[in-house]
Amino acid sequence: MTAPESSAPASIYDRAVYPSPGPDQTGRPCEICDCDRTRSVFQVQGIDSPIVVCQGCGLGRYEPMLDDDSIASFYPTDYYGEPGTKFRKPLEAGVRALAARRIAFLSRGVPSGGSILDVGCGRGVLFGPLADRGFRVFGVEANETAVLGADPRAEVHIATRLSEAGFEAASFDQIVIWHVLEHMVDPFDAIAECSRLLKPGGRLIVSVPNFESWQARWSGPHWFHLDPPRHLYHFPCSALEKLMARHGFRVESTHHFSLRQNPFGWIQSALNRFSDQPTGGLYSLLHSQPGDGISLARRLAMWAAFVVGAPLAVALSILAAAMGSGATVHVVGVKQP
């Protein structure tokens, strides 16, 4: 594999990742385990900082961390899609249906009329179903455009960091951080702030890609859920559990299966690894609209890979989940008194 190019690609999903192994180095202590030794593993196209891995807990991160202006540039308007939608219409309906299926899980144990905060709420797909069940819903989002189509019953605060959103202590019965923690420049402060914002006995639900999963290890630099360069941190499940425990949460349960995330990760990672399609090409196709320049032949090839690969991808995802190695995980923690 050739060395990375210095310029960024045209597509926001077409960033190449290259192996960049290096010796152990000593630097700033890890915010999870306090280990000060890291090792370089990947280099992302167009990014000077390598991805390094903590030799204590396995947490991956850019070192040095990227600046705020660079991070903001990774989220152009087309990342969020049209107001209220992100995927092509049939797929958008499926995404919202899967989100609605999560509602029973997310609302379990929350008192009637309780308050739920969605951190990094994006388009707010959880707001409507939760509000329909009688919950008071709140959100925090860094991009004001992303929430233009959100349910008006939600109270959304625009802030780049959770600690800047202006919520009072012990305001919420439950906080959800669903595939957002890995995007944060300071996820450790966010978890600490969740502890302040939750009522005693309140629940924190965090979902992230699992950096120690079978899928991650098999895919290496081709792993779809690396999502370069937007994922600033890469959490092994065990490291996430340690982080939550460090900030006063008792880990109640850990879940390794996601029908929306895990099977697709196998298919796109395999395409990244073995085909000549652009990195993240299938995912880009799911966002695309007619007339966007993707050739018919390329569309048919990627749709064929999706249809043919889906049964095997689902089976692999079920097996990985059974073995505690899901490609994505969500961890439920309870705030201790």
Protein backbone atom coordinates (compact mmCIF):
# COMPACT_ATOMS: atom_id res chain seq x y z
CA MET A 1 0.00 0.00 0.00
CA THR A 2 1.36 3.40 -0.96
CA ALA A 3 2.01 6.31 1.38
CA PRO A 4 -0.91 8.64 2.12
CA GLU A 5 -1.50 11.67 -0.03
CA SER A 6 -1.29 15.03 1.70
CA SER A 7 -4.49 16.43 0.20
CA ALA A 8 -7.97 15.48 1.35
CA PRO A 9 -10.26 13.60 -1.09
CA ALA A 10 -13.31 15.14 -2.68
CA SER A 11 -15.83 12.80 -1.00
CA ILE A 12 -16.29 13.11 2.75
CA TYR A 13 -16.46 9.29 2.97
CA ASP A 14 -13.47 8.54 0.76
CA ARG A 15 -10.54 8.93 3.17
CA ALA A 16 -7.92 6.24 2.87
CA VAL A 17 -6.31 4.84 6.03
CA TYR A 18 -2.83 3.34 5.93
CA PRO A 19 -0.96 1.10 8.37
CA SER A 20 1.64 3.18 10.18
CA PRO A 21 3.26 0.93 12.79
CA GLY A 22 5.76 2.50 15.14
CA PRO A 23 7.60 1.86 18.43
CA ASP A 24 6.17 2.65 21.84
CA GLN A 25 6.35 6.33 22.75
CA THR A 26 5.89 8.14 26.04
CA GLY A 27 3.49 11.07 26.18
CA ARG A 28 0.48 12.43 28.03
CA PRO A 29 -1.28 9.98 30.38
CA CYS A 30 -4.39 8.25 29.11
CA GLU A 31 -7.60 9.72 30.53
CA ILE A 32 -8.97 6.23 31.11
CA CYS A 33 -6.10 4.18 32.55
CA ASP A 34 -3.31 6.78 33.17
CA CYS A 35 -0.84 4.83 31.02
CA ASP A 36 1.59 7.18 29.25
CA ARG A 37 2.77 4.75 26.53
CA THR A 38 1.29 4.74 23.03
CA ARG A 39 2.07 3.13 19.69
CA SER A 40 1.29 4.52 16.23
CA VAL A 41 -0.97 2.23 14.18
CA PHE A 42 -2.69 4.19 11.36
CA GLN A 43 -2.24 7.29 9.23
CA VAL A 44 -5.28 8.98 7.68
CA GLN A 45 -5.11 10.59 4.24
CA GLY A 46 -4.80 14.35 4.57
CA ILE A 47 -4.23 14.29 8.36
CA ASP A 48 -0.80 14.96 9.85
CA SER A 49 -1.48 13.39 13.26
CA PRO A 50 -1.28 9.58 13.34
CA ILE A 51 -3.78 7.40 15.16
CA VAL A 52 -2.02 5.97 18.21
CA VAL A 53 -3.17 3.28 20.63
CA CYS A 54 -2.78 3.40 24.41
CA GLN A 55 -0.70 0.43 25.52
CA GLY A 56 -2.66 0.23 28.78
CA CYS A 57 -6.35 0.10 27.75
CA GLY A 58 -6.24 0.06 23.93
CA LEU A 59 -7.92 3.44 23.40
CA GLY A 60 -7.14 4.89 19.96
CA ARG A 61 -6.78 8.62 19.31
CA TYR A 62 -5.08 11.20 17.15
CA GLU A 63 -1.79 12.36 18.65
CA PRO A 64 -1.54 15.28 18.77
CA MET A 65 -5.29 15.89 18.82
CA LEU A 66 -6.72 17.89 15.93
CA ASP A 67 -7.73 21.54 16.37
CA ASP A 68 -11.34 22.72 16.47
CA ASP A 69 -11.26 24.37 13.02
CA SER A 70 -10.01 21.18 11.37
CA ILE A 71 -12.65 19.10 13.11
CA ALA A 72 -15.44 21.49 12.05
CA SER A 73 -14.33 21.16 8.42
CA PHE A 74 -15.09 17.41 8.51
CA TYR A 75 -18.84 18.14 8.77
CA PRO A 76 -20.00 19.97 5.63
CA THR A 77 -23.69 20.51 5.08
CA ASP A 78 -24.08 17.32 3.02
CA TYR A 79 -22.92 15.24 6.01
CA TYR A 80 -26.31 15.87 7.66
CA GLY A 81 -28.41 15.63 4.48
CA GLU A 82 -31.52 17.64 3.83
CA PRO A 83 -33.36 19.08 6.87
CA GLY A 84 -34.86 16.15 8.74
CA THR A 85 -33.41 13.48 6.42
CA LYS A 86 -30.00 11.97 5.70
CA PHE A 87 -30.47 8.88 3.53
CA ARG A 88 -32.40 8.22 0.35
CA LYS A 89 -36.14 8.13 1.06
CA PRO A 90 -36.75 4.34 1.32
CA LEU A 91 -33.67 3.93 3.52
CA GLU A 92 -34.56 6.95 5.63
CA ALA A 93 -37.85 5.26 6.47
CA GLY A 94 -35.96 2.12 7.49
CA VAL A 95 -33.52 4.10 9.65
CA ARG A 96 -36.39 5.77 11.46
CA ALA A 97 -38.16 2.43 11.90
CA LEU A 98 -35.06 0.94 13.51
CA ALA A 99 -34.76 4.03 15.71
CA ALA A 100 -38.35 3.57 16.79
CA ARG A 101 -37.59 -0.05 17.73
CA ARG A 102 -34.92 1.22 20.11
CA ILE A 103 -37.46 3.29 21.99
CA ALA A 104 -38.69 0.41 24.16
CA PHE A 105 -35.10 -0.23 25.24
CA LEU A 106 -34.25 3.43 25.75
CA SER A 107 -37.37 4.13 27.78
CA ARG A 108 -37.15 1.05 29.98
CA GLY A 109 -37.05 2.04 33.62
CA VAL A 110 -37.57 5.75 32.96
CA PRO A 111 -40.42 7.09 35.14
CA SER A 112 -43.58 8.31 33.46
CA GLY A 113 -43.06 11.88 32.28
CA GLY A 114 -39.33 11.56 32.92
CA SER A 115 -36.66 13.63 31.21
CA ILE A 116 -34.33 12.16 28.56
CA LEU A 117 -31.35 13.96 27.02
CA ASP A 118 -29.94 12.93 23.63
CA VAL A 119 -26.34 14.16 23.35
CA GLY A 120 -25.31 14.81 19.76
CA CYS A 121 -28.92 14.40 18.70
CA GLY A 122 -28.26 15.21 15.03
CA ARG A 123 -31.58 15.12 13.16
CA GLY A 124 -33.42 14.11 16.33
CA VAL A 125 -34.83 10.79 15.14
CA LEU A 126 -35.43 9.71 18.75
CA PHE A 127 -37.38 12.79 19.80
CA GLY A 128 -40.77 11.99 18.26
CA PRO A 129 -41.12 8.38 19.47
CA LEU A 130 -39.95 9.33 22.98
CA ALA A 131 -42.27 12.35 23.16
CA ASP A 132 -45.15 10.18 21.95
CA ARG A 133 -44.61 8.03 25.04
CA GLY A 134 -44.96 11.05 27.29
CA PHE A 135 -41.31 11.74 28.06
CA ARG A 136 -39.80 15.21 28.17
CA VAL A 137 -37.09 15.24 25.52
CA PHE A 138 -33.97 17.38 25.26
CA GLY A 139 -31.05 17.44 22.88
CA VAL A 140 -27.58 18.87 22.46
CA GLU A 141 -26.13 19.35 18.99
CA ALA A 142 -23.12 21.27 17.68
CA ASN A 143 -24.58 21.91 14.22
CA GLU A 144 -27.67 24.08 14.12
CA THR A 145 -28.54 23.03 10.57
CA ALA A 146 -28.74 19.36 11.55
CA VAL A 147 -31.74 19.87 13.84
CA LEU A 148 -33.89 21.97 11.50
CA GLY A 149 -36.31 19.08 10.95
CA ALA A 150 -36.37 17.87 14.56
CA ASP A 151 -39.61 17.32 16.47
CA PRO A 152 -40.72 20.70 17.89
CA ARG A 153 -41.57 19.10 21.25
CA ALA A 154 -37.86 18.71 21.96
CA GLU A 155 -35.81 21.39 23.68
CA VAL A 156 -32.52 21.48 21.77
CA HIS A 157 -29.43 23.35 22.94
CA ILE A 158 -26.73 24.23 20.41
CA ALA A 159 -23.29 23.71 21.95
CA THR A 160 -19.97 22.21 20.91
CA ARG A 161 -19.46 20.61 24.34
CA LEU A 162 -22.02 19.15 26.71
CA SER A 163 -20.63 21.20 29.60
CA GLU A 164 -21.45 24.38 27.62
CA ALA A 165 -25.13 23.49 27.06
CA GLY A 166 -26.32 25.17 30.28
CA PHE A 167 -28.26 22.35 31.93
CA GLU A 168 -28.64 22.25 35.71
CA ALA A 169 -27.29 19.43 37.85
CA ALA A 170 -29.50 16.37 38.42
CA SER A 171 -31.83 17.39 35.56
CA PHE A 172 -32.29 14.07 33.77
CA ASP A 173 -33.53 10.56 34.37
CA GLN A 174 -31.61 9.25 31.38
CA ILE A 175 -28.90 10.44 28.99
CA VAL A 176 -28.22 8.83 25.61
CA ILE A 177 -24.94 9.24 23.68
CA TRP A 178 -25.53 7.18 20.55
CA HIS A 179 -22.50 6.97 18.24
CA VAL A 180 -21.37 10.44 19.22
CA LEU A 181 -18.74 9.95 21.94
CA GLU A 182 -16.09 8.97 19.37
CA HIS A 183 -16.66 12.31 17.56
CA MET A 184 -16.02 14.45 20.65
CA VAL A 185 -12.78 16.34 21.20
CA ASP A 186 -13.14 15.70 24.95
CA PRO A 187 -15.31 12.61 25.55
CA PHE A 188 -13.94 12.28 29.08
CA ASP A 189 -15.37 15.65 30.10
CA ALA A 190 -18.68 14.63 28.49
CA ILE A 191 -18.95 11.48 30.63
CA ALA A 192 -18.08 13.50 33.75
CA GLU A 193 -20.76 16.04 32.82
CA CYS A 194 -23.29 13.23 32.37
CA SER A 195 -22.61 12.20 35.96
CA ARG A 196 -23.38 15.75 37.09
CA LEU A 197 -26.55 16.03 35.00
CA LEU A 198 -28.12 12.70 35.95
CA LYS A 199 -30.27 12.17 38.99
CA PRO A 200 -29.03 9.50 41.42
CA GLY A 201 -29.99 6.16 39.94
CA GLY A 202 -30.33 7.69 36.48
CA ARG A 203 -29.05 5.79 33.47
CA LEU A 204 -26.41 6.64 30.90
CA ILE A 205 -26.52 4.72 27.60
CA VAL A 206 -23.44 5.04 25.40
CA SER A 207 -23.04 3.40 21.99
CA VAL A 208 -19.71 3.35 20.12
CA PRO A 209 -17.83 1.28 17.54
CA ASN A 210 -15.91 -1.45 19.33
CA PHE A 211 -12.20 -1.04 18.57
CA GLU A 212 -11.39 -4.50 19.97
CA SER A 213 -14.10 -6.33 17.98
CA TRP A 214 -13.59 -9.15 15.50
CA GLN A 215 -14.66 -6.83 12.71
CA ALA A 216 -12.15 -4.14 13.68
CA ARG A 217 -9.28 -6.61 13.96
CA TRP A 218 -10.12 -8.36 10.67
CA SER A 219 -10.57 -5.11 8.74
CA GLY A 220 -7.59 -3.18 10.12
CA PRO A 221 -7.18 0.13 8.25
CA HIS A 222 -10.17 -0.79 6.02
CA TRP A 223 -12.67 -0.89 8.90
CA PHE A 224 -15.80 1.05 8.01
CA HIS A 225 -16.38 2.18 11.61
CA LEU A 226 -13.04 3.98 11.77
CA ASP A 227 -14.93 6.71 9.83
CA PRO A 228 -11.87 8.86 9.18
CA PRO A 229 -11.33 11.62 10.00
CA ARG A 230 -14.48 12.29 12.05
CA HIS A 231 -13.87 9.66 14.73
CA LEU A 232 -11.35 11.32 17.01
CA TYR A 233 -11.27 8.44 19.51
CA HIS A 234 -11.61 4.67 19.08
CA PHE A 235 -13.00 2.88 22.13
CA PRO A 236 -12.52 -0.78 22.94
CA CYS A 237 -15.60 -1.93 24.83
CA SER A 238 -13.51 -2.66 27.92
CA ALA A 239 -12.06 0.87 27.89
CA LEU A 240 -15.52 2.44 27.65
CA GLU A 241 -16.67 0.42 30.66
CA LYS A 242 -13.60 1.60 32.61
CA LEU A 243 -14.28 5.21 31.66
CA MET A 244 -17.86 5.03 32.87
CA ALA A 245 -16.83 3.34 36.11
CA ARG A 246 -14.19 6.03 36.66
CA HIS A 247 -16.92 8.69 36.69
CA GLY A 248 -19.24 6.98 39.13
CA PHE A 249 -21.31 4.68 36.93
CA ARG A 250 -22.04 1.05 37.69
CA VAL A 251 -22.12 -0.84 34.39
CA GLU A 252 -25.51 -2.51 34.34
CA SER A 253 -25.32 -4.23 30.95
CA THR A 254 -23.36 -4.34 27.69
CA HIS A 255 -24.96 -5.16 24.34
CA HIS A 256 -23.02 -6.30 21.27
CA PHE A 257 -25.62 -6.53 18.49
CA SER A 258 -26.93 -3.80 16.20
CA LEU A 259 -28.88 -4.76 13.09
CA ARG A 260 -28.36 -1.31 11.63
CA GLN A 261 -24.62 -0.97 12.27
CA ASN A 262 -22.87 -4.33 12.50
CA PRO A 263 -23.86 -6.25 9.34
CA PHE A 264 -23.34 -3.19 7.16
CA GLY A 265 -19.91 -2.75 8.74
CA TRP A 266 -18.87 -6.21 7.52
CA ILE A 267 -20.04 -5.49 3.96
CA GLN A 268 -18.49 -2.03 3.61
CA SER A 269 -15.25 -3.12 5.30
CA ALA A 270 -14.95 -6.06 2.88
CA LEU A 271 -15.54 -3.73 -0.07
CA ASN A 272 -12.91 -1.34 1.29
CA ARG A 273 -10.45 -4.21 1.63
CA PHE A 274 -11.00 -6.22 -1.54
CA SER A 275 -12.69 -4.09 -4.23
CA ASP A 276 -11.62 -1.13 -6.34
CA GLN A 277 -14.69 0.85 -5.26
CA PRO A 278 -14.01 4.13 -3.42
CA THR A 279 -13.51 3.85 0.33
CA GLY A 280 -16.98 4.09 1.89
CA GLY A 281 -18.53 3.88 -1.57
CA LEU A 282 -21.60 1.88 -0.59
CA TYR A 283 -22.31 4.19 2.33
CA SER A 284 -21.99 7.17 -0.01
CA LEU A 285 -24.46 5.50 -2.37
CA LEU A 286 -27.03 5.23 0.41
CA HIS A 287 -26.85 9.01 0.79
CA SER A 288 -26.87 9.80 -2.90
CA GLN A 289 -29.65 11.07 -5.09
CA PRO A 290 -30.22 10.60 -8.86
CA GLY A 291 -27.89 12.71 -10.93
CA ASP A 292 -25.05 12.76 -8.41
CA GLY A 293 -22.50 11.38 -10.87
CA ILE A 294 -22.29 7.76 -9.66
CA SER A 295 -22.33 5.55 -12.76
CA LEU A 296 -25.01 2.92 -13.27
CA ALA A 297 -22.40 0.14 -13.40
CA ARG A 298 -20.92 1.23 -10.06
CA ARG A 299 -24.37 1.48 -8.48
CA LEU A 300 -25.30 -2.03 -9.65
CA ALA A 301 -22.00 -3.50 -8.41
CA MET A 302 -22.39 -2.02 -4.94
CA TRP A 303 -26.06 -2.96 -4.64
CA ALA A 304 -25.18 -6.51 -5.69
CA ALA A 305 -22.48 -6.69 -3.01
CA PHE A 306 -24.98 -5.46 -0.45
CA VAL A 307 -27.67 -8.00 -1.36
CA VAL A 308 -25.31 -10.97 -1.72
CA GLY A 309 -23.29 -10.14 1.38
CA ALA A 310 -26.16 -9.34 3.73
CA PRO A 311 -27.00 -12.91 4.91
CA LEU A 312 -23.36 -13.72 5.73
CA ALA A 313 -22.88 -10.33 7.37
CA VAL A 314 -25.91 -10.86 9.60
CA ALA A 315 -24.69 -14.33 10.58
CA LEU A 316 -21.22 -13.02 11.41
CA SER A 317 -22.75 -10.22 13.46
CA ILE A 318 -24.88 -12.63 15.48
CA LEU A 319 -21.88 -14.88 16.14
CA ALA A 320 -19.66 -11.97 17.13
CA ALA A 321 -22.33 -10.63 19.48
CA ALA A 322 -22.72 -14.06 21.09
CA MET A 323 -18.97 -14.09 21.71
CA GLY A 324 -18.97 -10.58 23.20
CA SER A 325 -17.18 -9.03 20.22
CA GLY A 326 -19.78 -6.95 18.40
CA ALA A 327 -18.56 -4.38 15.88
CA THR A 328 -20.53 -1.77 17.80
CA VAL A 329 -21.63 -1.89 21.41
CA HIS A 330 -23.89 0.02 23.72
CA VAL A 331 -23.17 0.11 27.42
CA VAL A 332 -25.73 0.97 30.11
CA GLY A 333 -24.44 2.58 33.27
CA VAL A 334 -26.32 3.61 36.42
CA LYS A 335 -25.26 6.68 38.37
CA GLN A 336 -24.33 5.66 41.89
CA PRO A 337 -25.60 7.73 44.83
